Amino acid sequence: MKLKLICCEVMFREVSLLVANSPHICDTVFLPKGLHDLGVEKMRPRLQEQIDGIPEGSCDAILLGYGLCNNGVAGLTARSTKLVIPRAHDCITLFLGSRMKYRELFEAHPGTYYRTTGWIERGDGENVDDMTISRKLGLQMKYDELVEKYGEDNAKYVIETMGDLTANYDRMVFINMGLECEGLFERMAESDAKEKGLKFEKVAGSLAILRKLVNGEWDDDFLVVQPGESVQASHDDSVIKAAN
């Protein structure tokens, strides 16, 4: 098969490895990580534009390396080519390789801040054409940087008004995907956790869902959207569904 994959750059290393070993031709486009920060109104059109830009008949299926992502994929429409989308709320499920594992970890430790190589090296999505909400508000800046840019009083106002983004978290988890490069990124995550006062742990991830995506093994972990159908949130364990 000839496949087209539209994927968030947070999965760049993992997906590149899998595509290199896929039995199919899989052309990949990586979009900036910060896209989801722009909200549904901007994320969905960007994804639809990518889908619509793929010439009819140029591939057998269009794959999306995204989860539901705060309804960012809800409303996407398959034109002349079917869409294949993982049944996942967000990319953490894709890194863990299972909706069940994600649910178990979330229920056991809801206040968890997850990190992977992509989440660390791709920063706060600064490659997005439009500035992300977090960058506009200065939420990625440290206190001394806010003081330098806005003055001490304004910096205090931003901190007090917006609060600490990690205030509701008590631990940081690095998801180990089995890549040779991960040692450096794990140490960076551990250092970040210490700076934020969070407990640091690591868990084993899995390439299972992403591998099946690029290998054309579309089982119950995926929604296949036929031409003319659109994606909707299902509000149940299946996460997403197709509708005419």
C-alpha atoms as a PDB file:
ATOM      1  CA  MET A   1       0.000   0.000   0.000  1.00  0.00           C
ATOM      2  CA  LYS A   2       0.916   3.625  -0.391  1.00  0.00           C
ATOM      3  CA  LEU A   3       0.092   5.626   2.711  1.00  0.00           C
ATOM      4  CA  LYS A   4       0.194   9.290   3.697  1.00  0.00           C
ATOM      5  CA  LEU A   5       0.772  10.045   7.372  1.00  0.00           C
ATOM      6  CA  ILE A   6      -0.036  13.421   8.946  1.00  0.00           C
ATOM      7  CA  CYS A   7       1.548  13.397  12.377  1.00  0.00           C
ATOM      8  CA  CYS A   8       2.361  15.618  15.347  1.00  0.00           C
ATOM      9  CA  GLU A   9       6.098  16.253  15.557  1.00  0.00           C
ATOM     10  CA  VAL A  10       6.111  15.151  19.212  1.00  0.00           C
ATOM     11  CA  MET A  11       6.290  11.585  17.793  1.00  0.00           C
ATOM     12  CA  PHE A  12       9.026  12.371  15.253  1.00  0.00           C
ATOM     13  CA  ARG A  13      11.674   9.920  16.467  1.00  0.00           C
ATOM     14  CA  GLU A  14       9.302   7.035  17.147  1.00  0.00           C
ATOM     15  CA  VAL A  15       7.362   7.409  13.895  1.00  0.00           C
ATOM     16  CA  SER A  16      10.509   7.855  11.797  1.00  0.00           C
ATOM     17  CA  LEU A  17      11.835   4.563  13.152  1.00  0.00           C
ATOM     18  CA  LEU A  18       8.574   2.745  12.447  1.00  0.00           C
ATOM     19  CA  VAL A  19       8.115   4.190   8.958  1.00  0.00           C
ATOM     20  CA  ALA A  20      11.640   3.082   8.063  1.00  0.00           C
ATOM     21  CA  ASN A  21      10.634  -0.481   8.908  1.00  0.00           C
ATOM     22  CA  SER A  22       7.092  -0.437   7.506  1.00  0.00           C
ATOM     23  CA  PRO A  23       6.295  -2.908   4.719  1.00  0.00           C
ATOM     24  CA  HIS A  24       4.401  -0.096   2.956  1.00  0.00           C
ATOM     25  CA  ILE A  25       5.394   3.167   1.308  1.00  0.00           C
ATOM     26  CA  CYS A  26       4.535   5.761   3.946  1.00  0.00           C
ATOM     27  CA  ASP A  27       5.106   9.437   3.169  1.00  0.00           C
ATOM     28  CA  THR A  28       5.012  11.507   6.334  1.00  0.00           C
ATOM     29  CA  VAL A  29       4.262  15.146   7.124  1.00  0.00           C
ATOM     30  CA  PHE A  30       5.040  16.346  10.652  1.00  0.00           C
ATOM     31  CA  LEU A  31       3.079  19.307  11.996  1.00  0.00           C
ATOM     32  CA  PRO A  32       4.206  21.528  14.902  1.00  0.00           C
ATOM     33  CA  LYS A  33       3.593  20.262  18.427  1.00  0.00           C
ATOM     34  CA  GLY A  34       1.992  23.540  19.516  1.00  0.00           C
ATOM     35  CA  LEU A  35      -0.874  23.138  17.048  1.00  0.00           C
ATOM     36  CA  HIS A  36      -3.224  21.810  19.733  1.00  0.00           C
ATOM     37  CA  ASP A  37      -2.554  24.913  21.859  1.00  0.00           C
ATOM     38  CA  LEU A  38      -4.257  27.032  19.207  1.00  0.00           C
ATOM     39  CA  GLY A  39      -7.657  25.510  19.954  1.00  0.00           C
ATOM     40  CA  VAL A  40     -10.116  23.503  17.880  1.00  0.00           C
ATOM     41  CA  GLU A  41     -11.018  26.474  15.678  1.00  0.00           C
ATOM     42  CA  LYS A  42      -7.455  26.637  14.319  1.00  0.00           C
ATOM     43  CA  MET A  43      -6.249  23.059  14.748  1.00  0.00           C
ATOM     44  CA  ARG A  44      -9.046  21.381  12.779  1.00  0.00           C
ATOM     45  CA  PRO A  45      -8.735  23.623   9.678  1.00  0.00           C
ATOM     46  CA  ARG A  46      -4.956  23.067   9.614  1.00  0.00           C
ATOM     47  CA  LEU A  47      -5.444  19.299   9.654  1.00  0.00           C
ATOM     48  CA  GLN A  48      -8.273  19.426   7.095  1.00  0.00           C
ATOM     49  CA  GLU A  49      -6.092  21.553   4.833  1.00  0.00           C
ATOM     50  CA  GLN A  50      -3.411  18.861   4.942  1.00  0.00           C
ATOM     51  CA  ILE A  51      -5.972  16.157   4.177  1.00  0.00           C
ATOM     52  CA  ASP A  52      -7.525  18.112   1.303  1.00  0.00           C
ATOM     53  CA  GLY A  53      -4.088  18.828  -0.150  1.00  0.00           C
ATOM     54  CA  ILE A  54      -3.404  15.157  -0.835  1.00  0.00           C
ATOM     55  CA  PRO A  55      -4.252  14.487  -4.526  1.00  0.00           C
ATOM     56  CA  GLU A  56      -7.019  12.006  -5.213  1.00  0.00           C
ATOM     57  CA  GLY A  57      -5.685   8.563  -6.034  1.00  0.00           C
ATOM     58  CA  SER A  58      -2.174   9.314  -4.774  1.00  0.00           C
ATOM     59  CA  CYS A  59      -2.473   6.943  -1.813  1.00  0.00           C
ATOM     60  CA  ASP A  60      -4.569   4.105  -0.445  1.00  0.00           C
ATOM     61  CA  ALA A  61      -5.210   5.712   2.930  1.00  0.00           C
ATOM     62  CA  ILE A  62      -4.465   8.872   4.912  1.00  0.00           C
ATOM     63  CA  LEU A  63      -3.220   8.182   8.431  1.00  0.00           C
ATOM     64  CA  LEU A  64      -3.400  10.618  11.334  1.00  0.00           C
ATOM     65  CA  GLY A  65      -0.792  10.479  14.087  1.00  0.00           C
ATOM     66  CA  TYR A  66      -3.142  12.192  16.544  1.00  0.00           C
ATOM     67  CA  GLY A  67      -5.627  11.311  19.221  1.00  0.00           C
ATOM     68  CA  LEU A  68      -8.888  13.169  19.755  1.00  0.00           C
ATOM     69  CA  CYS A  69      -6.743  15.969  21.205  1.00  0.00           C
ATOM     70  CA  ASN A  70      -9.407  18.118  22.879  1.00  0.00           C
ATOM     71  CA  ASN A  71     -11.727  17.538  19.902  1.00  0.00           C
ATOM     72  CA  GLY A  72      -9.058  18.794  17.510  1.00  0.00           C
ATOM     73  CA  VAL A  73      -9.820  15.973  15.047  1.00  0.00           C
ATOM     74  CA  ALA A  74     -13.601  16.051  15.568  1.00  0.00           C
ATOM     75  CA  GLY A  75     -15.249  17.298  12.397  1.00  0.00           C
ATOM     76  CA  LEU A  76     -12.474  16.206  10.044  1.00  0.00           C
ATOM     77  CA  THR A  77     -13.910  14.817   6.809  1.00  0.00           C
ATOM     78  CA  ALA A  78     -12.573  12.110   4.526  1.00  0.00           C
ATOM     79  CA  ARG A  79     -12.807  13.319   0.929  1.00  0.00           C
ATOM     80  CA  SER A  80     -11.873  10.822  -1.778  1.00  0.00           C
ATOM     81  CA  THR A  81      -9.552   8.757   0.418  1.00  0.00           C
ATOM     82  CA  LYS A  82     -10.293   6.976   3.689  1.00  0.00           C
ATOM     83  CA  LEU A  83      -8.829   8.270   6.944  1.00  0.00           C
ATOM     84  CA  VAL A  84      -7.358   6.031   9.620  1.00  0.00           C
ATOM     85  CA  ILE A  85      -7.186   7.473  13.143  1.00  0.00           C
ATOM     86  CA  PRO A  86      -6.114   5.829  16.425  1.00  0.00           C
ATOM     87  CA  ARG A  87      -8.819   5.568  19.073  1.00  0.00           C
ATOM     88  CA  ALA A  88      -7.052   7.673  21.686  1.00  0.00           C
ATOM     89  CA  HIS A  89      -7.839  10.760  23.722  1.00  0.00           C
ATOM     90  CA  ASP A  90      -4.346  12.144  23.220  1.00  0.00           C
ATOM     91  CA  CYS A  91      -0.805  11.180  22.298  1.00  0.00           C
ATOM     92  CA  ILE A  92      -0.049   9.727  25.747  1.00  0.00           C
ATOM     93  CA  THR A  93      -2.197   6.731  24.794  1.00  0.00           C
ATOM     94  CA  LEU A  94      -0.137   6.375  21.619  1.00  0.00           C
ATOM     95  CA  PHE A  95       3.092   6.394  23.616  1.00  0.00           C
ATOM     96  CA  LEU A  96       1.759   3.886  26.150  1.00  0.00           C
ATOM     97  CA  GLY A  97       0.401   1.648  23.408  1.00  0.00           C
ATOM     98  CA  SER A  98      -2.969   0.965  25.012  1.00  0.00           C
ATOM     99  CA  ARG A  99      -6.133   2.809  26.034  1.00  0.00           C
ATOM    100  CA  MET A 100      -6.423   0.441  28.994  1.00  0.00           C
ATOM    101  CA  LYS A 101      -2.912   1.212  30.240  1.00  0.00           C
ATOM    102  CA  TYR A 102      -3.566   4.934  29.916  1.00  0.00           C
ATOM    103  CA  ARG A 103      -6.800   4.588  31.892  1.00  0.00           C
ATOM    104  CA  GLU A 104      -5.118   2.543  34.606  1.00  0.00           C
ATOM    105  CA  LEU A 105      -2.297   5.043  35.045  1.00  0.00           C
ATOM    106  CA  PHE A 106      -4.665   8.011  35.000  1.00  0.00           C
ATOM    107  CA  GLU A 107      -6.991   6.507  37.602  1.00  0.00           C
ATOM    108  CA  ALA A 108      -4.074   5.561  39.854  1.00  0.00           C
ATOM    109  CA  HIS A 109      -2.210   8.881  39.478  1.00  0.00           C
ATOM    110  CA  PRO A 110      -4.357  11.635  37.918  1.00  0.00           C
ATOM    111  CA  GLY A 111      -1.872  14.383  38.801  1.00  0.00           C
ATOM    112  CA  THR A 112       0.847  13.206  36.437  1.00  0.00           C
ATOM    113  CA  TYR A 113       2.875  15.292  34.037  1.00  0.00           C
ATOM    114  CA  TYR A 114       4.132  13.064  31.183  1.00  0.00           C
ATOM    115  CA  ARG A 115       7.351  13.522  29.230  1.00  0.00           C
ATOM    116  CA  THR A 116       8.900  11.833  26.186  1.00  0.00           C
ATOM    117  CA  THR A 117      11.826  12.735  23.943  1.00  0.00           C
ATOM    118  CA  GLY A 118       9.513  14.656  21.630  1.00  0.00           C
ATOM    119  CA  TRP A 119       7.799  16.577  24.408  1.00  0.00           C
ATOM    120  CA  ILE A 120      11.207  17.728  25.619  1.00  0.00           C
ATOM    121  CA  GLU A 121      13.047  18.499  22.387  1.00  0.00           C
ATOM    122  CA  ARG A 122      10.092  20.075  20.581  1.00  0.00           C
ATOM    123  CA  GLY A 123       9.666  22.674  23.301  1.00  0.00           C
ATOM    124  CA  ASP A 124       6.426  24.632  23.485  1.00  0.00           C
ATOM    125  CA  GLY A 125       5.517  24.464  19.824  1.00  0.00           C
ATOM    126  CA  GLU A 126       7.365  27.602  18.803  1.00  0.00           C
ATOM    127  CA  ASN A 127       7.391  26.482  15.167  1.00  0.00           C
ATOM    128  CA  VAL A 128       3.665  27.095  14.832  1.00  0.00           C
ATOM    129  CA  ASP A 129       2.997  30.047  12.538  1.00  0.00           C
ATOM    130  CA  ASP A 130       0.548  31.594  15.010  1.00  0.00           C
ATOM    131  CA  MET A 131       1.871  32.016  18.521  1.00  0.00           C
ATOM    132  CA  THR A 132       0.393  29.487  20.904  1.00  0.00           C
ATOM    133  CA  ILE A 133      -1.794  30.667  23.749  1.00  0.00           C
ATOM    134  CA  SER A 134       0.823  29.725  26.317  1.00  0.00           C
ATOM    135  CA  ARG A 135       3.494  31.757  24.534  1.00  0.00           C
ATOM    136  CA  LYS A 136       1.184  34.758  24.128  1.00  0.00           C
ATOM    137  CA  LEU A 137       0.534  34.770  27.861  1.00  0.00           C
ATOM    138  CA  GLY A 138       4.156  34.199  28.770  1.00  0.00           C
ATOM    139  CA  LEU A 139       3.351  30.926  30.524  1.00  0.00           C
ATOM    140  CA  GLN A 140       6.496  29.264  29.185  1.00  0.00           C
ATOM    141  CA  MET A 141       8.704  31.964  30.708  1.00  0.00           C
ATOM    142  CA  LYS A 142      10.430  31.751  34.067  1.00  0.00           C
ATOM    143  CA  TYR A 143       9.800  34.448  36.678  1.00  0.00           C
ATOM    144  CA  ASP A 144      13.065  36.317  36.046  1.00  0.00           C
ATOM    145  CA  GLU A 145      12.326  36.333  32.312  1.00  0.00           C
ATOM    146  CA  LEU A 146       8.865  37.789  32.974  1.00  0.00           C
ATOM    147  CA  VAL A 147      10.422  40.473  35.174  1.00  0.00           C
ATOM    148  CA  GLU A 148      12.931  41.395  32.466  1.00  0.00           C
ATOM    149  CA  LYS A 149      10.231  41.639  29.815  1.00  0.00           C
ATOM    150  CA  TYR A 150       7.273  43.114  31.741  1.00  0.00           C
ATOM    151  CA  GLY A 151       8.643  44.499  35.001  1.00  0.00           C
ATOM    152  CA  GLU A 152       8.350  43.068  38.522  1.00  0.00           C
ATOM    153  CA  ASP A 153       4.760  44.132  39.257  1.00  0.00           C
ATOM    154  CA  ASN A 154       3.429  42.792  35.961  1.00  0.00           C
ATOM    155  CA  ALA A 155       5.431  39.580  36.343  1.00  0.00           C
ATOM    156  CA  LYS A 156       3.882  38.987  39.772  1.00  0.00           C
ATOM    157  CA  TYR A 157       0.439  39.660  38.320  1.00  0.00           C
ATOM    158  CA  VAL A 158       0.929  37.045  35.573  1.00  0.00           C
ATOM    159  CA  ILE A 159       2.141  34.444  38.084  1.00  0.00           C
ATOM    160  CA  GLU A 160      -0.630  35.157  40.592  1.00  0.00           C
ATOM    161  CA  THR A 161      -3.387  35.364  37.984  1.00  0.00           C
ATOM    162  CA  MET A 162      -2.477  32.412  35.793  1.00  0.00           C
ATOM    163  CA  GLY A 163      -0.910  30.291  38.510  1.00  0.00           C
ATOM    164  CA  ASP A 164       1.626  27.526  38.143  1.00  0.00           C
ATOM    165  CA  LEU A 165       0.743  25.199  35.285  1.00  0.00           C
ATOM    166  CA  THR A 166       2.025  22.260  37.336  1.00  0.00           C
ATOM    167  CA  ALA A 167       0.187  23.220  40.537  1.00  0.00           C
ATOM    168  CA  ASN A 168      -2.273  20.347  40.167  1.00  0.00           C
ATOM    169  CA  TYR A 169       0.478  17.798  39.508  1.00  0.00           C
ATOM    170  CA  ASP A 170       2.534  15.880  42.043  1.00  0.00           C
ATOM    171  CA  ARG A 171       4.743  13.752  39.818  1.00  0.00           C
ATOM    172  CA  MET A 172       6.448  13.691  36.441  1.00  0.00           C
ATOM    173  CA  VAL A 173       6.706  10.460  34.450  1.00  0.00           C
ATOM    174  CA  PHE A 174       9.137   9.860  31.630  1.00  0.00           C
ATOM    175  CA  ILE A 175       7.790   7.335  29.117  1.00  0.00           C
ATOM    176  CA  ASN A 176      10.665   5.160  27.934  1.00  0.00           C
ATOM    177  CA  MET A 177      10.053   4.132  24.323  1.00  0.00           C
ATOM    178  CA  GLY A 178      13.179   2.006  23.930  1.00  0.00           C
ATOM    179  CA  LEU A 179      15.103   4.502  21.790  1.00  0.00           C
ATOM    180  CA  GLU A 180      18.887   4.599  22.099  1.00  0.00           C
ATOM    181  CA  CYS A 181      18.860   8.380  22.556  1.00  0.00           C
ATOM    182  CA  GLU A 182      16.579   8.449  25.592  1.00  0.00           C
ATOM    183  CA  GLY A 183      19.184   8.594  28.367  1.00  0.00           C
ATOM    184  CA  LEU A 184      19.829  12.296  27.867  1.00  0.00           C
ATOM    185  CA  PHE A 185      16.131  13.177  27.703  1.00  0.00           C
ATOM    186  CA  GLU A 186      15.334  11.115  30.787  1.00  0.00           C
ATOM    187  CA  ARG A 187      17.960  13.050  32.754  1.00  0.00           C
ATOM    188  CA  MET A 188      16.515  16.317  31.482  1.00  0.00           C
ATOM    189  CA  ALA A 189      13.030  15.265  32.596  1.00  0.00           C
ATOM    190  CA  GLU A 190      14.331  14.248  36.014  1.00  0.00           C
ATOM    191  CA  SER A 191      16.065  17.606  36.418  1.00  0.00           C
ATOM    192  CA  ASP A 192      12.891  19.428  35.387  1.00  0.00           C
ATOM    193  CA  ALA A 193      10.856  17.412  37.897  1.00  0.00           C
ATOM    194  CA  LYS A 194      13.294  18.328  40.674  1.00  0.00           C
ATOM    195  CA  GLU A 195      13.089  22.018  39.739  1.00  0.00           C
ATOM    196  CA  LYS A 196       9.282  21.868  39.850  1.00  0.00           C
ATOM    197  CA  GLY A 197       9.216  19.908  43.093  1.00  0.00           C
ATOM    198  CA  LEU A 198       7.605  16.878  41.492  1.00  0.00           C
ATOM    199  CA  LYS A 199       8.235  13.211  42.214  1.00  0.00           C
ATOM    200  CA  PHE A 200      10.031  11.636  39.245  1.00  0.00           C
ATOM    201  CA  GLU A 201       9.263   8.197  37.856  1.00  0.00           C
ATOM    202  CA  LYS A 202       9.544   6.406  34.547  1.00  0.00           C
ATOM    203  CA  VAL A 203       7.330   3.848  32.859  1.00  0.00           C
ATOM    204  CA  ALA A 204       7.806   1.597  29.865  1.00  0.00           C
ATOM    205  CA  GLY A 205       6.004   2.810  26.768  1.00  0.00           C
ATOM    206  CA  SER A 206       5.009   0.794  23.721  1.00  0.00           C
ATOM    207  CA  LEU A 207       5.180   1.340  19.974  1.00  0.00           C
ATOM    208  CA  ALA A 208       2.291  -1.081  19.430  1.00  0.00           C
ATOM    209  CA  ILE A 209      -0.381   1.372  18.237  1.00  0.00           C
ATOM    210  CA  LEU A 210       1.959   3.483  16.113  1.00  0.00           C
ATOM    211  CA  ARG A 211       3.485   0.369  14.572  1.00  0.00           C
ATOM    212  CA  LYS A 212       0.072  -1.002  13.637  1.00  0.00           C
ATOM    213  CA  LEU A 213      -0.867   2.388  12.187  1.00  0.00           C
ATOM    214  CA  VAL A 214       2.025   2.534   9.702  1.00  0.00           C
ATOM    215  CA  ASN A 215       1.967  -1.225   9.034  1.00  0.00           C
ATOM    216  CA  GLY A 216      -1.674  -1.164   7.920  1.00  0.00           C
ATOM    217  CA  GLU A 217      -2.860  -3.383  10.773  1.00  0.00           C
ATOM    218  CA  TRP A 218      -6.020  -1.415  11.557  1.00  0.00           C
ATOM    219  CA  ASP A 219      -7.851  -3.377  14.222  1.00  0.00           C
ATOM    220  CA  ASP A 220     -10.156  -2.181  17.021  1.00  0.00           C
ATOM    221  CA  ASP A 221      -7.555   0.390  18.076  1.00  0.00           C
ATOM    222  CA  PHE A 222      -8.416   2.436  14.980  1.00  0.00           C
ATOM    223  CA  LEU A 223     -11.306   4.219  13.338  1.00  0.00           C
ATOM    224  CA  VAL A 224     -11.470   3.933   9.553  1.00  0.00           C
ATOM    225  CA  VAL A 225     -13.385   6.884   8.118  1.00  0.00           C
ATOM    226  CA  GLN A 226     -14.716   6.206   4.647  1.00  0.00           C
ATOM    227  CA  PRO A 227     -14.935   8.918   1.936  1.00  0.00           C
ATOM    228  CA  GLY A 228     -17.795  11.290   2.706  1.00  0.00           C
ATOM    229  CA  GLU A 229     -17.799  10.500   6.421  1.00  0.00           C
ATOM    230  CA  SER A 230     -16.642  12.779   9.238  1.00  0.00           C
ATOM    231  CA  VAL A 231     -15.045  12.164  12.622  1.00  0.00           C
ATOM    232  CA  GLN A 232     -17.035  12.707  15.800  1.00  0.00           C
ATOM    233  CA  ALA A 233     -16.276  12.246  19.489  1.00  0.00           C
ATOM    234  CA  SER A 234     -18.165   9.175  20.716  1.00  0.00           C
ATOM    235  CA  HIS A 235     -18.008  10.006  24.453  1.00  0.00           C
ATOM    236  CA  ASP A 236     -17.396   6.363  25.325  1.00  0.00           C
ATOM    237  CA  ASP A 237     -14.509   3.882  25.373  1.00  0.00           C
ATOM    238  CA  SER A 238     -14.247   3.935  21.588  1.00  0.00           C
ATOM    239  CA  VAL A 239     -13.316   7.666  21.821  1.00  0.00           C
ATOM    240  CA  ILE A 240     -14.228   8.533  18.208  1.00  0.00           C
ATOM    241  CA  LYS A 241     -16.756   7.438  15.607  1.00  0.00           C
ATOM    242  CA  ALA A 242     -17.601   8.087  11.959  1.00  0.00           C
ATOM    243  CA  ALA A 243     -20.768   9.832  10.836  1.00  0.00           C
ATOM    244  CA  ASN A 244     -22.244  10.812   7.478  1.00  0.00           C
END
